[in-house]
């Protein structure tokens, strides 16, 4: 898990939330970058899998069935935790055998 961000403010929020991030800058922001080593780009094959250097095949295809989207937004918002709590509560609801009790 991680995020690519272009704004320093967003990078700051994600950093303090403990989320890995890559701050993407334009070449104008850093005219003389230091490149230690060029990395090879890894791409998925026709079956949407990536073979890692360890030999492990990483499946990049969409989940079937797809995962539910619980929350969209910044990590430091209280709405995130409310959405997570609602989702977990729904997952653990036990249906009654005789219908609703009032």
C-alpha atoms as a PDB file:
ATOM      1  CA  UNK A   1       0.000   0.000   0.000  1.00  0.00           C
ATOM      2  CA  UNK A   2       1.184   3.488  -0.724  1.00  0.00           C
ATOM      3  CA  UNK A   3       0.400   6.656  -2.608  1.00  0.00           C
ATOM      4  CA  UNK A   4       1.918   8.889  -5.251  1.00  0.00           C
ATOM      5  CA  UNK A   5       1.348  12.558  -4.390  1.00  0.00           C
ATOM      6  CA  UNK A   6       2.326  15.853  -5.978  1.00  0.00           C
ATOM      7  CA  UNK A   7       1.469  18.252  -3.147  1.00  0.00           C
ATOM      8  CA  UNK A   8       3.695  18.627  -0.095  1.00  0.00           C
ATOM      9  CA  UNK A   9       0.651  19.138   2.163  1.00  0.00           C
ATOM     10  CA  UNK A  10      -0.811  15.772   1.118  1.00  0.00           C
ATOM     11  CA  UNK A  11       2.580  14.116   1.571  1.00  0.00           C
ATOM     12  CA  UNK A  12       2.765  15.542   5.097  1.00  0.00           C
ATOM     13  CA  UNK A  13      -0.662  14.141   6.023  1.00  0.00           C
ATOM     14  CA  UNK A  14       0.134  10.691   4.633  1.00  0.00           C
ATOM     15  CA  UNK A  15       3.571  10.641   6.266  1.00  0.00           C
ATOM     16  CA  UNK A  16       2.118  11.419   9.699  1.00  0.00           C
ATOM     17  CA  UNK A  17      -0.552   8.750   9.141  1.00  0.00           C
ATOM     18  CA  UNK A  18       2.228   6.217   8.525  1.00  0.00           C
ATOM     19  CA  UNK A  19       1.311   5.582   4.893  1.00  0.00           C
ATOM     20  CA  UNK A  20       4.220   5.026   2.479  1.00  0.00           C
ATOM     21  CA  UNK A  21       4.355   7.694  -0.203  1.00  0.00           C
ATOM     22  CA  UNK A  22       6.283   8.908  -3.207  1.00  0.00           C
ATOM     23  CA  UNK A  23       6.438  12.668  -3.658  1.00  0.00           C
ATOM     24  CA  UNK A  24       6.401  13.287  -7.403  1.00  0.00           C
ATOM     25  CA  UNK A  25       8.041  16.548  -8.460  1.00  0.00           C
ATOM     26  CA  UNK A  26       8.540  18.184 -11.834  1.00  0.00           C
ATOM     27  CA  UNK A  27      12.047  18.502 -13.220  1.00  0.00           C
ATOM     28  CA  UNK A  28      11.780  22.269 -12.741  1.00  0.00           C
ATOM     29  CA  UNK A  29      11.558  21.785  -8.967  1.00  0.00           C
ATOM     30  CA  UNK A  30      14.902  19.981  -8.938  1.00  0.00           C
ATOM     31  CA  UNK A  31      17.000  20.923 -11.994  1.00  0.00           C
ATOM     32  CA  UNK A  32      20.064  18.847 -10.986  1.00  0.00           C
ATOM     33  CA  UNK A  33      18.741  15.561  -9.608  1.00  0.00           C
ATOM     34  CA  UNK A  34      21.120  12.919  -8.307  1.00  0.00           C
ATOM     35  CA  UNK A  35      20.474   9.512  -9.862  1.00  0.00           C
ATOM     36  CA  UNK A  36      22.266   6.695  -8.057  1.00  0.00           C
ATOM     37  CA  UNK A  37      20.976   3.855 -10.181  1.00  0.00           C
ATOM     38  CA  UNK A  38      18.455   3.373 -12.957  1.00  0.00           C
ATOM     39  CA  UNK A  39      15.843   0.782 -12.141  1.00  0.00           C
ATOM     40  CA  UNK A  40      14.151  -1.488 -14.617  1.00  0.00           C
ATOM     41  CA  UNK A  41      10.439  -0.977 -14.996  1.00  0.00           C
ATOM     42  CA  UNK A  42       8.418  -4.027 -14.080  1.00  0.00           C
ATOM     43  CA  UNK A  43       5.280  -4.591 -16.071  1.00  0.00           C
ATOM     44  CA  UNK A  44       2.520  -7.101 -15.835  1.00  0.00           C
ATOM     45  CA  UNK A  45       2.286  -9.749 -18.532  1.00  0.00           C
ATOM     46  CA  UNK A  46      -0.794 -10.645 -20.594  1.00  0.00           C
ATOM     47  CA  UNK A  47      -2.304 -12.492 -17.609  1.00  0.00           C
ATOM     48  CA  UNK A  48      -1.906  -9.389 -15.394  1.00  0.00           C
ATOM     49  CA  UNK A  49       0.842 -10.911 -13.261  1.00  0.00           C
ATOM     50  CA  UNK A  50       4.235  -9.558 -12.299  1.00  0.00           C
ATOM     51  CA  UNK A  51       7.124 -11.904 -11.561  1.00  0.00           C
ATOM     52  CA  UNK A  52       9.172 -10.521  -8.685  1.00  0.00           C
ATOM     53  CA  UNK A  53      12.917 -11.102  -8.326  1.00  0.00           C
ATOM     54  CA  UNK A  54      12.173 -13.751  -5.691  1.00  0.00           C
ATOM     55  CA  UNK A  55      10.168 -15.720  -8.249  1.00  0.00           C
ATOM     56  CA  UNK A  56       6.839 -14.900  -6.590  1.00  0.00           C
ATOM     57  CA  UNK A  57       4.010 -14.130  -9.038  1.00  0.00           C
ATOM     58  CA  UNK A  58       2.062 -11.053  -7.985  1.00  0.00           C
ATOM     59  CA  UNK A  59      -1.498 -11.035  -9.339  1.00  0.00           C
ATOM     60  CA  UNK A  60      -2.461  -7.513 -10.508  1.00  0.00           C
ATOM     61  CA  UNK A  61      -5.905  -8.421 -11.824  1.00  0.00           C
ATOM     62  CA  UNK A  62      -9.043  -7.033 -10.240  1.00  0.00           C
ATOM     63  CA  UNK A  63     -10.548  -9.104  -7.457  1.00  0.00           C
ATOM     64  CA  UNK A  64     -13.491 -11.286  -8.335  1.00  0.00           C
ATOM     65  CA  UNK A  65     -15.751 -10.420  -6.650  1.00  0.00           C
ATOM     66  CA  UNK A  66     -14.433  -6.915  -6.201  1.00  0.00           C
ATOM     67  CA  UNK A  67     -13.772  -5.523  -2.741  1.00  0.00           C
ATOM     68  CA  UNK A  68     -16.170  -3.019  -1.260  1.00  0.00           C
ATOM     69  CA  UNK A  69     -15.074   0.614  -1.206  1.00  0.00           C
ATOM     70  CA  UNK A  70     -15.519   1.639   2.409  1.00  0.00           C
ATOM     71  CA  UNK A  71     -14.187   5.204   2.370  1.00  0.00           C
ATOM     72  CA  UNK A  72     -12.747   7.675  -0.109  1.00  0.00           C
ATOM     73  CA  UNK A  73     -10.898  10.660   1.293  1.00  0.00           C
ATOM     74  CA  UNK A  74      -7.959  11.737   3.395  1.00  0.00           C
ATOM     75  CA  UNK A  75      -6.711   9.457   6.138  1.00  0.00           C
ATOM     76  CA  UNK A  76      -6.864  12.052   8.924  1.00  0.00           C
ATOM     77  CA  UNK A  77     -10.640  12.600   8.735  1.00  0.00           C
ATOM     78  CA  UNK A  78     -12.989  11.246  11.401  1.00  0.00           C
ATOM     79  CA  UNK A  79     -15.389  10.202   8.638  1.00  0.00           C
ATOM     80  CA  UNK A  80     -12.886   7.470   7.758  1.00  0.00           C
ATOM     81  CA  UNK A  81     -13.240   5.813  11.142  1.00  0.00           C
ATOM     82  CA  UNK A  82     -17.027   6.206  11.110  1.00  0.00           C
ATOM     83  CA  UNK A  83     -17.200   4.493   7.722  1.00  0.00           C
ATOM     84  CA  UNK A  84     -14.929   1.686   8.932  1.00  0.00           C
ATOM     85  CA  UNK A  85     -17.056   1.176  12.058  1.00  0.00           C
ATOM     86  CA  UNK A  86     -20.285   1.039  10.011  1.00  0.00           C
ATOM     87  CA  UNK A  87     -18.756  -1.488   7.632  1.00  0.00           C
ATOM     88  CA  UNK A  88     -17.501  -3.752  10.423  1.00  0.00           C
ATOM     89  CA  UNK A  89     -20.835  -3.516  12.250  1.00  0.00           C
ATOM     90  CA  UNK A  90     -22.698  -4.623   9.110  1.00  0.00           C
ATOM     91  CA  UNK A  91     -20.272  -7.523   8.584  1.00  0.00           C
ATOM     92  CA  UNK A  92     -20.856  -8.862  12.098  1.00  0.00           C
ATOM     93  CA  UNK A  93     -24.623  -8.459  12.277  1.00  0.00           C
ATOM     94  CA  UNK A  94     -26.266 -11.772  13.056  1.00  0.00           C
ATOM     95  CA  UNK A  95     -29.666 -12.227  11.451  1.00  0.00           C
ATOM     96  CA  UNK A  96     -32.406 -13.323  13.822  1.00  0.00           C
ATOM     97  CA  UNK A  97     -34.251 -16.536  13.092  1.00  0.00           C
ATOM     98  CA  UNK A  98     -37.705 -15.143  13.827  1.00  0.00           C
ATOM     99  CA  UNK A  99     -37.509 -11.717  12.190  1.00  0.00           C
ATOM    100  CA  UNK A 100     -37.020  -8.360  13.840  1.00  0.00           C
ATOM    101  CA  UNK A 101     -37.685  -7.961  17.519  1.00  0.00           C
ATOM    102  CA  UNK A 102     -39.115  -4.602  18.562  1.00  0.00           C
END
